[in-house]
Amino acid sequence: MVEALAESSLPPTWGGLDLEDFSHAKKLREYQQAALRNARKVLWKYYEEFADYQPGEPLATNDQRKALLWQWSQDNGVDARAMRLEVGNL
């Protein structure tokens, strides 16, 4: 579901990071870079698209984001039972 979000749909402020050169001494493999790209897209969706993050915002805004993320996940075929099992194992 996250893979369906195009990198080009993110604003420029959310891109521009060199994901291959993680540090001066380490390079990330392609699967590690893909995981970071996917994480960035979910964070963007959560903090920008669902409700634009504002410092000092009320907790209700975060609750709204959680509900929208949950709905988006279900709308895109994520099995709620499987998700609960994964979260329960953390």
PDB file of N, CA and C in Angstrom:
ATOM      1  N   MET A   1       0.819  -1.181   0.000  1.00  0.00           N
ATOM      2  CA  MET A   1       0.000   0.000   0.000  1.00  0.00           C
ATOM      3  C   MET A   1       0.865   1.247   0.000  1.00  0.00           C
ATOM      4  N   VAL A   2       1.951   1.245   0.756  1.00  0.00           N
ATOM      5  CA  VAL A   2       2.836   2.414   0.789  1.00  0.00           C
ATOM      6  C   VAL A   2       3.604   2.526  -0.522  1.00  0.00           C
ATOM      7  N   GLU A   3       3.926   1.380  -1.109  1.00  0.00           N
ATOM      8  CA  GLU A   3       4.659   1.390  -2.367  1.00  0.00           C
ATOM      9  C   GLU A   3       3.874   2.103  -3.463  1.00  0.00           C
ATOM     10  N   ALA A   4       2.543   2.133  -3.339  1.00  0.00           N
ATOM     11  CA  ALA A   4       1.703   2.783  -4.347  1.00  0.00           C
ATOM     12  C   ALA A   4       1.833   4.303  -4.316  1.00  0.00           C
ATOM     13  N   LEU A   5       2.311   4.856  -3.214  1.00  0.00           N
ATOM     14  CA  LEU A   5       2.524   6.312  -3.131  1.00  0.00           C
ATOM     15  C   LEU A   5       3.807   6.658  -3.880  1.00  0.00           C
ATOM     16  N   ALA A   6       3.686   7.497  -4.876  1.00  0.00           N
ATOM     17  CA  ALA A   6       4.864   7.877  -5.658  1.00  0.00           C
ATOM     18  C   ALA A   6       5.755   8.822  -4.855  1.00  0.00           C
ATOM     19  N   GLU A   7       7.054   8.597  -4.957  1.00  0.00           N
ATOM     20  CA  GLU A   7       8.005   9.505  -4.299  1.00  0.00           C
ATOM     21  C   GLU A   7       7.790  10.938  -4.778  1.00  0.00           C
ATOM     22  N   SER A   8       7.414  11.082  -6.028  1.00  0.00           N
ATOM     23  CA  SER A   8       7.221  12.423  -6.600  1.00  0.00           C
ATOM     24  C   SER A   8       6.007  13.135  -6.014  1.00  0.00           C
ATOM     25  N   SER A   9       5.132  12.393  -5.314  1.00  0.00           N
ATOM     26  CA  SER A   9       3.961  13.037  -4.709  1.00  0.00           C
ATOM     27  C   SER A   9       4.316  13.743  -3.399  1.00  0.00           C
ATOM     28  N   LEU A  10       5.484  13.460  -2.852  1.00  0.00           N
ATOM     29  CA  LEU A  10       5.914  14.121  -1.622  1.00  0.00           C
ATOM     30  C   LEU A  10       6.446  15.515  -1.946  1.00  0.00           C
ATOM     31  N   PRO A  11       6.191  16.473  -1.069  1.00  0.00           N
ATOM     32  CA  PRO A  11       6.748  17.818  -1.283  1.00  0.00           C
ATOM     33  C   PRO A  11       8.278  17.770  -1.241  1.00  0.00           C
ATOM     34  N   PRO A  12       8.929  18.729  -1.871  1.00  0.00           N
ATOM     35  CA  PRO A  12      10.403  18.742  -1.900  1.00  0.00           C
ATOM     36  C   PRO A  12      11.038  18.718  -0.515  1.00  0.00           C
ATOM     37  N   THR A  13      10.370  19.287   0.477  1.00  0.00           N
ATOM     38  CA  THR A  13      10.945  19.303   1.823  1.00  0.00           C
ATOM     39  C   THR A  13      11.031  17.910   2.436  1.00  0.00           C
ATOM     40  N   TRP A  14      10.285  16.957   1.885  1.00  0.00           N
ATOM     41  CA  TRP A  14      10.313  15.586   2.386  1.00  0.00           C
ATOM     42  C   TRP A  14      11.268  14.699   1.596  1.00  0.00           C
ATOM     43  N   GLY A  15      11.944  15.240   0.646  1.00  0.00           N
ATOM     44  CA  GLY A  15      12.873  14.455  -0.166  1.00  0.00           C
ATOM     45  C   GLY A  15      14.264  15.023  -0.063  1.00  0.00           C
ATOM     46  N   GLY A  16      15.056  14.701  -1.060  1.00  0.00           N
ATOM     47  CA  GLY A  16      16.389  15.271  -1.121  1.00  0.00           C
ATOM     48  C   GLY A  16      17.410  14.628  -0.209  1.00  0.00           C
ATOM     49  N   LEU A  17      17.028  13.569   0.471  1.00  0.00           N
ATOM     50  CA  LEU A  17      17.993  12.889   1.337  1.00  0.00           C
ATOM     51  C   LEU A  17      18.709  11.806   0.547  1.00  0.00           C
ATOM     52  N   ASP A  18      19.997  11.705   0.739  1.00  0.00           N
ATOM     53  CA  ASP A  18      20.774  10.647   0.106  1.00  0.00           C
ATOM     54  C   ASP A  18      20.654   9.406   0.983  1.00  0.00           C
ATOM     55  N   LEU A  19      19.776   8.506   0.592  1.00  0.00           N
ATOM     56  CA  LEU A  19      19.526   7.327   1.419  1.00  0.00           C
ATOM     57  C   LEU A  19      20.600   6.260   1.269  1.00  0.00           C
ATOM     58  N   GLU A  20      21.395   6.335   0.218  1.00  0.00           N
ATOM     59  CA  GLU A  20      22.447   5.330   0.043  1.00  0.00           C
ATOM     60  C   GLU A  20      23.602   5.577   1.005  1.00  0.00           C
ATOM     61  N   ASP A  21      24.032   6.819   1.090  1.00  0.00           N
ATOM     62  CA  ASP A  21      25.149   7.161   1.978  1.00  0.00           C
ATOM     63  C   ASP A  21      24.606   7.537   3.344  1.00  0.00           C
ATOM     64  N   PHE A  22      24.397   6.529   4.174  1.00  0.00           N
ATOM     65  CA  PHE A  22      23.801   6.719   5.491  1.00  0.00           C
ATOM     66  C   PHE A  22      24.717   7.532   6.394  1.00  0.00           C
ATOM     67  N   SER A  23      25.993   7.310   6.286  1.00  0.00           N
ATOM     68  CA  SER A  23      26.994   8.088   7.019  1.00  0.00           C
ATOM     69  C   SER A  23      28.267   8.076   6.183  1.00  0.00           C
ATOM     70  N   HIS A  24      29.283   8.738   6.654  1.00  0.00           N
ATOM     71  CA  HIS A  24      30.531   8.779   5.887  1.00  0.00           C
ATOM     72  C   HIS A  24      31.184   7.402   5.790  1.00  0.00           C
ATOM     73  N   ALA A  25      30.832   6.501   6.681  1.00  0.00           N
ATOM     74  CA  ALA A  25      31.471   5.185   6.696  1.00  0.00           C
ATOM     75  C   ALA A  25      30.529   4.047   6.291  1.00  0.00           C
ATOM     76  N   LYS A  26      29.247   4.333   6.088  1.00  0.00           N
ATOM     77  CA  LYS A  26      28.289   3.260   5.808  1.00  0.00           C
ATOM     78  C   LYS A  26      27.416   3.591   4.614  1.00  0.00           C
ATOM     79  N   LYS A  27      27.164   2.561   3.822  1.00  0.00           N
ATOM     80  CA  LYS A  27      26.227   2.676   2.709  1.00  0.00           C
ATOM     81  C   LYS A  27      25.101   1.686   2.953  1.00  0.00           C
ATOM     82  N   LEU A  28      23.889   2.129   2.668  1.00  0.00           N
ATOM     83  CA  LEU A  28      22.737   1.249   2.853  1.00  0.00           C
ATOM     84  C   LEU A  28      22.488   0.439   1.591  1.00  0.00           C
ATOM     85  N   ARG A  29      22.048  -0.788   1.797  1.00  0.00           N
ATOM     86  CA  ARG A  29      21.673  -1.638   0.663  1.00  0.00           C
ATOM     87  C   ARG A  29      20.320  -1.198   0.143  1.00  0.00           C
ATOM     88  N   GLU A  30      19.973  -1.668  -1.051  1.00  0.00           N
ATOM     89  CA  GLU A  30      18.738  -1.243  -1.693  1.00  0.00           C
ATOM     90  C   GLU A  30      17.512  -1.543  -0.830  1.00  0.00           C
ATOM     91  N   TYR A  31      17.447  -2.727  -0.214  1.00  0.00           N
ATOM     92  CA  TYR A  31      16.282  -3.061   0.605  1.00  0.00           C
ATOM     93  C   TYR A  31      16.181  -2.138   1.828  1.00  0.00           C
ATOM     94  N   GLN A  32      17.314  -1.690   2.352  1.00  0.00           N
ATOM     95  CA  GLN A  32      17.300  -0.756   3.481  1.00  0.00           C
ATOM     96  C   GLN A  32      16.827   0.628   3.017  1.00  0.00           C
ATOM     97  N   GLN A  33      17.270   1.048   1.844  1.00  0.00           N
ATOM     98  CA  GLN A  33      16.825   2.322   1.290  1.00  0.00           C
ATOM     99  C   GLN A  33      15.323   2.288   1.012  1.00  0.00           C
ATOM    100  N   ALA A  34      14.833   1.162   0.488  1.00  0.00           N
ATOM    101  CA  ALA A  34      13.397   1.025   0.206  1.00  0.00           C
ATOM    102  C   ALA A  34      12.587   1.130   1.497  1.00  0.00           C
ATOM    103  N   ALA A  35      13.090   0.523   2.571  1.00  0.00           N
ATOM    104  CA  ALA A  35      12.391   0.602   3.859  1.00  0.00           C
ATOM    105  C   ALA A  35      12.332   2.043   4.349  1.00  0.00           C
ATOM    106  N   LEU A  36      13.419   2.781   4.197  1.00  0.00           N
ATOM    107  CA  LEU A  36      13.424   4.192   4.610  1.00  0.00           C
ATOM    108  C   LEU A  36      12.498   5.030   3.740  1.00  0.00           C
ATOM    109  N   ARG A  37      12.459   4.755   2.433  1.00  0.00           N
ATOM    110  CA  ARG A  37      11.534   5.489   1.554  1.00  0.00           C
ATOM    111  C   ARG A  37      10.091   5.228   1.978  1.00  0.00           C
ATOM    112  N   ASN A  38       9.774   3.973   2.274  1.00  0.00           N
ATOM    113  CA  ASN A  38       8.412   3.639   2.702  1.00  0.00           C
ATOM    114  C   ASN A  38       8.074   4.291   4.035  1.00  0.00           C
ATOM    115  N   ALA A  39       9.000   4.281   4.963  1.00  0.00           N
ATOM    116  CA  ALA A  39       8.770   4.920   6.265  1.00  0.00           C
ATOM    117  C   ALA A  39       8.544   6.417   6.084  1.00  0.00           C
ATOM    118  N   ARG A  40       9.323   7.030   5.215  1.00  0.00           N
ATOM    119  CA  ARG A  40       9.168   8.472   4.958  1.00  0.00           C
ATOM    120  C   ARG A  40       7.782   8.775   4.386  1.00  0.00           C
ATOM    121  N   LYS A  41       7.303   7.926   3.477  1.00  0.00           N
ATOM    122  CA  LYS A  41       5.984   8.149   2.880  1.00  0.00           C
ATOM    123  C   LYS A  41       4.869   8.021   3.914  1.00  0.00           C
ATOM    124  N   VAL A  42       4.978   7.042   4.815  1.00  0.00           N
ATOM    125  CA  VAL A  42       3.952   6.887   5.855  1.00  0.00           C
ATOM    126  C   VAL A  42       3.994   8.074   6.817  1.00  0.00           C
ATOM    127  N   LEU A  43       5.176   8.500   7.199  1.00  0.00           N
ATOM    128  CA  LEU A  43       5.295   9.662   8.085  1.00  0.00           C
ATOM    129  C   LEU A  43       4.729  10.918   7.428  1.00  0.00           C
ATOM    130  N   TRP A  44       4.998  11.091   6.135  1.00  0.00           N
ATOM    131  CA  TRP A  44       4.436  12.241   5.423  1.00  0.00           C
ATOM    132  C   TRP A  44       2.911  12.176   5.433  1.00  0.00           C
ATOM    133  N   LYS A  45       2.378  11.003   5.116  1.00  0.00           N
ATOM    134  CA  LYS A  45       0.922  10.857   5.074  1.00  0.00           C
ATOM    135  C   LYS A  45       0.342  11.180   6.450  1.00  0.00           C
ATOM    136  N   TYR A  46       0.976  10.679   7.503  1.00  0.00           N
ATOM    137  CA  TYR A  46       0.483  10.854   8.869  1.00  0.00           C
ATOM    138  C   TYR A  46       0.579  12.305   9.323  1.00  0.00           C
ATOM    139  N   TYR A  47       1.738  12.925   9.117  1.00  0.00           N
ATOM    140  CA  TYR A  47       1.969  14.263   9.674  1.00  0.00           C
ATOM    141  C   TYR A  47       1.643  15.416   8.737  1.00  0.00           C
ATOM    142  N   GLU A  48       1.417  15.143   7.470  1.00  0.00           N
ATOM    143  CA  GLU A  48       1.138  16.239   6.538  1.00  0.00           C
ATOM    144  C   GLU A  48      -0.203  16.076   5.827  1.00  0.00           C
ATOM    145  N   GLU A  49      -0.451  14.905   5.267  1.00  0.00           N
ATOM    146  CA  GLU A  49      -1.666  14.773   4.465  1.00  0.00           C
ATOM    147  C   GLU A  49      -2.922  14.617   5.320  1.00  0.00           C
ATOM    148  N   PHE A  50      -2.849  13.803   6.362  1.00  0.00           N
ATOM    149  CA  PHE A  50      -4.034  13.601   7.206  1.00  0.00           C
ATOM    150  C   PHE A  50      -4.382  14.870   7.974  1.00  0.00           C
ATOM    151  N   ALA A  51      -3.411  15.491   8.579  1.00  0.00           N
ATOM    152  CA  ALA A  51      -3.585  16.753   9.307  1.00  0.00           C
ATOM    153  C   ALA A  51      -2.195  17.363   9.436  1.00  0.00           C
ATOM    154  N   ASP A  52      -2.029  18.563   8.929  1.00  0.00           N
ATOM    155  CA  ASP A  52      -0.727  19.221   8.935  1.00  0.00           C
ATOM    156  C   ASP A  52      -0.247  19.432  10.369  1.00  0.00           C
ATOM    157  N   TYR A  53       0.933  18.903  10.670  1.00  0.00           N
ATOM    158  CA  TYR A  53       1.476  19.015  12.030  1.00  0.00           C
ATOM    159  C   TYR A  53       1.761  20.475  12.387  1.00  0.00           C
ATOM    160  N   GLN A  54       1.359  20.836  13.589  1.00  0.00           N
ATOM    161  CA  GLN A  54       1.637  22.162  14.134  1.00  0.00           C
ATOM    162  C   GLN A  54       2.178  21.983  15.549  1.00  0.00           C
ATOM    163  N   PRO A  55       3.309  22.610  15.884  1.00  0.00           N
ATOM    164  CA  PRO A  55       3.815  22.500  17.255  1.00  0.00           C
ATOM    165  C   PRO A  55       2.747  22.937  18.260  1.00  0.00           C
ATOM    166  N   GLY A  56       2.604  22.187  19.325  1.00  0.00           N
ATOM    167  CA  GLY A  56       1.649  22.507  20.369  1.00  0.00           C
ATOM    168  C   GLY A  56       0.211  22.146  20.034  1.00  0.00           C
ATOM    169  N   GLU A  57       0.023  21.380  18.980  1.00  0.00           N
ATOM    170  CA  GLU A  57      -1.341  21.019  18.594  1.00  0.00           C
ATOM    171  C   GLU A  57      -1.999  20.156  19.665  1.00  0.00           C
ATOM    172  N   PRO A  58      -3.326  20.151  19.742  1.00  0.00           N
ATOM    173  CA  PRO A  58      -4.018  19.348  20.747  1.00  0.00           C
ATOM    174  C   PRO A  58      -3.886  17.846  20.457  1.00  0.00           C
ATOM    175  N   LEU A  59      -3.960  17.050  21.514  1.00  0.00           N
ATOM    176  CA  LEU A  59      -3.867  15.605  21.362  1.00  0.00           C
ATOM    177  C   LEU A  59      -4.976  15.043  20.483  1.00  0.00           C
ATOM    178  N   ALA A  60      -6.089  15.724  20.419  1.00  0.00           N
ATOM    179  CA  ALA A  60      -7.205  15.268  19.583  1.00  0.00           C
ATOM    180  C   ALA A  60      -6.799  15.205  18.107  1.00  0.00           C
ATOM    181  N   THR A  61      -5.887  16.068  17.686  1.00  0.00           N
ATOM    182  CA  THR A  61      -5.419  16.047  16.299  1.00  0.00           C
ATOM    183  C   THR A  61      -4.674  14.751  16.014  1.00  0.00           C
ATOM    184  N   ASN A  62      -3.864  14.315  16.961  1.00  0.00           N
ATOM    185  CA  ASN A  62      -3.143  13.057  16.794  1.00  0.00           C
ATOM    186  C   ASN A  62      -4.115  11.879  16.781  1.00  0.00           C
ATOM    187  N   ASP A  63      -5.141  11.932  17.607  1.00  0.00           N
ATOM    188  CA  ASP A  63      -6.165  10.882  17.602  1.00  0.00           C
ATOM    189  C   ASP A  63      -6.865  10.830  16.248  1.00  0.00           C
ATOM    190  N   GLN A  64      -7.102  11.997  15.663  1.00  0.00           N
ATOM    191  CA  GLN A  64      -7.711  12.065  14.332  1.00  0.00           C
ATOM    192  C   GLN A  64      -6.787  11.412  13.300  1.00  0.00           C
ATOM    193  N   ARG A  65      -5.496  11.707  13.384  1.00  0.00           N
ATOM    194  CA  ARG A  65      -4.533  11.100  12.460  1.00  0.00           C
ATOM    195  C   ARG A  65      -4.532   9.583  12.591  1.00  0.00           C
ATOM    196  N   LYS A  66      -4.551   9.090  13.822  1.00  0.00           N
ATOM    197  CA  LYS A  66      -4.555   7.640  14.041  1.00  0.00           C
ATOM    198  C   LYS A  66      -5.778   6.996  13.396  1.00  0.00           C
ATOM    199  N   ALA A  67      -6.927   7.617  13.566  1.00  0.00           N
ATOM    200  CA  ALA A  67      -8.157   7.072  12.982  1.00  0.00           C
ATOM    201  C   ALA A  67      -8.065   7.085  11.454  1.00  0.00           C
ATOM    202  N   LEU A  68      -7.528   8.157  10.885  1.00  0.00           N
ATOM    203  CA  LEU A  68      -7.394   8.236   9.430  1.00  0.00           C
ATOM    204  C   LEU A  68      -6.387   7.223   8.904  1.00  0.00           C
ATOM    205  N   LEU A  69      -5.288   7.009   9.625  1.00  0.00           N
ATOM    206  CA  LEU A  69      -4.300   6.008   9.224  1.00  0.00           C
ATOM    207  C   LEU A  69      -4.902   4.610   9.265  1.00  0.00           C
ATOM    208  N   TRP A  70      -5.655   4.331  10.315  1.00  0.00           N
ATOM    209  CA  TRP A  70      -6.315   3.035  10.442  1.00  0.00           C
ATOM    210  C   TRP A  70      -7.290   2.824   9.284  1.00  0.00           C
ATOM    211  N   GLN A  71      -8.080   3.837   8.972  1.00  0.00           N
ATOM    212  CA  GLN A  71      -9.045   3.729   7.880  1.00  0.00           C
ATOM    213  C   GLN A  71      -8.338   3.563   6.542  1.00  0.00           C
ATOM    214  N   TRP A  72      -7.281   4.334   6.319  1.00  0.00           N
ATOM    215  CA  TRP A  72      -6.504   4.232   5.089  1.00  0.00           C
ATOM    216  C   TRP A  72      -5.925   2.836   4.939  1.00  0.00           C
ATOM    217  N   SER A  73      -5.426   2.273   6.038  1.00  0.00           N
ATOM    218  CA  SER A  73      -4.875   0.911   6.009  1.00  0.00           C
ATOM    219  C   SER A  73      -5.941  -0.094   5.603  1.00  0.00           C
ATOM    220  N   GLN A  74      -7.097   0.010   6.218  1.00  0.00           N
ATOM    221  CA  GLN A  74      -8.174  -0.928   5.899  1.00  0.00           C
ATOM    222  C   GLN A  74      -8.692  -0.726   4.481  1.00  0.00           C
ATOM    223  N   ASP A  75      -8.778   0.512   4.031  1.00  0.00           N
ATOM    224  CA  ASP A  75      -9.225   0.796   2.667  1.00  0.00           C
ATOM    225  C   ASP A  75      -8.265   0.215   1.628  1.00  0.00           C
ATOM    226  N   ASN A  76      -7.018   0.014   2.039  1.00  0.00           N
ATOM    227  CA  ASN A  76      -6.003  -0.490   1.122  1.00  0.00           C
ATOM    228  C   ASN A  76      -5.662  -1.954   1.366  1.00  0.00           C
ATOM    229  N   GLY A  77      -6.571  -2.664   2.025  1.00  0.00           N
ATOM    230  CA  GLY A  77      -6.447  -4.114   2.115  1.00  0.00           C
ATOM    231  C   GLY A  77      -5.646  -4.671   3.266  1.00  0.00           C
ATOM    232  N   VAL A  78      -5.292  -3.855   4.230  1.00  0.00           N
ATOM    233  CA  VAL A  78      -4.572  -4.386   5.388  1.00  0.00           C
ATOM    234  C   VAL A  78      -5.567  -5.111   6.276  1.00  0.00           C
ATOM    235  N   ASP A  79      -5.250  -6.343   6.599  1.00  0.00           N
ATOM    236  CA  ASP A  79      -6.110  -7.158   7.441  1.00  0.00           C
ATOM    237  C   ASP A  79      -5.958  -6.707   8.890  1.00  0.00           C
ATOM    238  N   ALA A  80      -7.035  -6.242   9.481  1.00  0.00           N
ATOM    239  CA  ALA A  80      -7.001  -5.714  10.850  1.00  0.00           C
ATOM    240  C   ALA A  80      -6.508  -6.765  11.836  1.00  0.00           C
ATOM    241  N   ARG A  81      -6.895  -8.027  11.641  1.00  0.00           N
ATOM    242  CA  ARG A  81      -6.447  -9.083  12.570  1.00  0.00           C
ATOM    243  C   ARG A  81      -4.942  -9.262  12.488  1.00  0.00           C
ATOM    244  N   ALA A  82      -4.399  -9.260  11.286  1.00  0.00           N
ATOM    245  CA  ALA A  82      -2.954  -9.411  11.118  1.00  0.00           C
ATOM    246  C   ALA A  82      -2.215  -8.231  11.728  1.00  0.00           C
ATOM    247  N   MET A  83      -2.767  -7.033  11.564  1.00  0.00           N
ATOM    248  CA  MET A  83      -2.131  -5.848  12.114  1.00  0.00           C
ATOM    249  C   MET A  83      -2.094  -5.918  13.642  1.00  0.00           C
ATOM    250  N   ARG A  84      -3.177  -6.361  14.245  1.00  0.00           N
ATOM    251  CA  ARG A  84      -3.207  -6.475  15.701  1.00  0.00           C
ATOM    252  C   ARG A  84      -2.171  -7.484  16.196  1.00  0.00           C
ATOM    253  N   LEU A  85      -2.001  -8.572  15.454  1.00  0.00           N
ATOM    254  CA  LEU A  85      -1.009  -9.569  15.842  1.00  0.00           C
ATOM    255  C   LEU A  85       0.398  -8.988  15.767  1.00  0.00           C
ATOM    256  N   GLU A  86       0.691  -8.231  14.708  1.00  0.00           N
ATOM    257  CA  GLU A  86       2.009  -7.638  14.573  1.00  0.00           C
ATOM    258  C   GLU A  86       2.273  -6.609  15.656  1.00  0.00           C
ATOM    259  N   VAL A  87       1.307  -5.757  15.934  1.00  0.00           N
ATOM    260  CA  VAL A  87       1.477  -4.733  16.961  1.00  0.00           C
ATOM    261  C   VAL A  87       1.597  -5.399  18.322  1.00  0.00           C
ATOM    262  N   GLY A  88       0.855  -6.461  18.536  1.00  0.00           N
ATOM    263  CA  GLY A  88       0.911  -7.169  19.816  1.00  0.00           C
ATOM    264  C   GLY A  88       2.257  -7.819  20.065  1.00  0.00           C
ATOM    265  N   ASN A  89       3.013  -8.076  19.007  1.00  0.00           N
ATOM    266  CA  ASN A  89       4.314  -8.719  19.169  1.00  0.00           C
ATOM    267  C   ASN A  89       5.448  -7.728  19.386  1.00  0.00           C
ATOM    268  N   LEU A  90       5.135  -6.445  19.386  1.00  0.00           N
ATOM    269  CA  LEU A  90       6.189  -5.442  19.578  1.00  0.00           C
ATOM    270  C   LEU A  90       6.607  -5.344  21.019  1.00  0.00           C
TER     271      LEU A  90
END
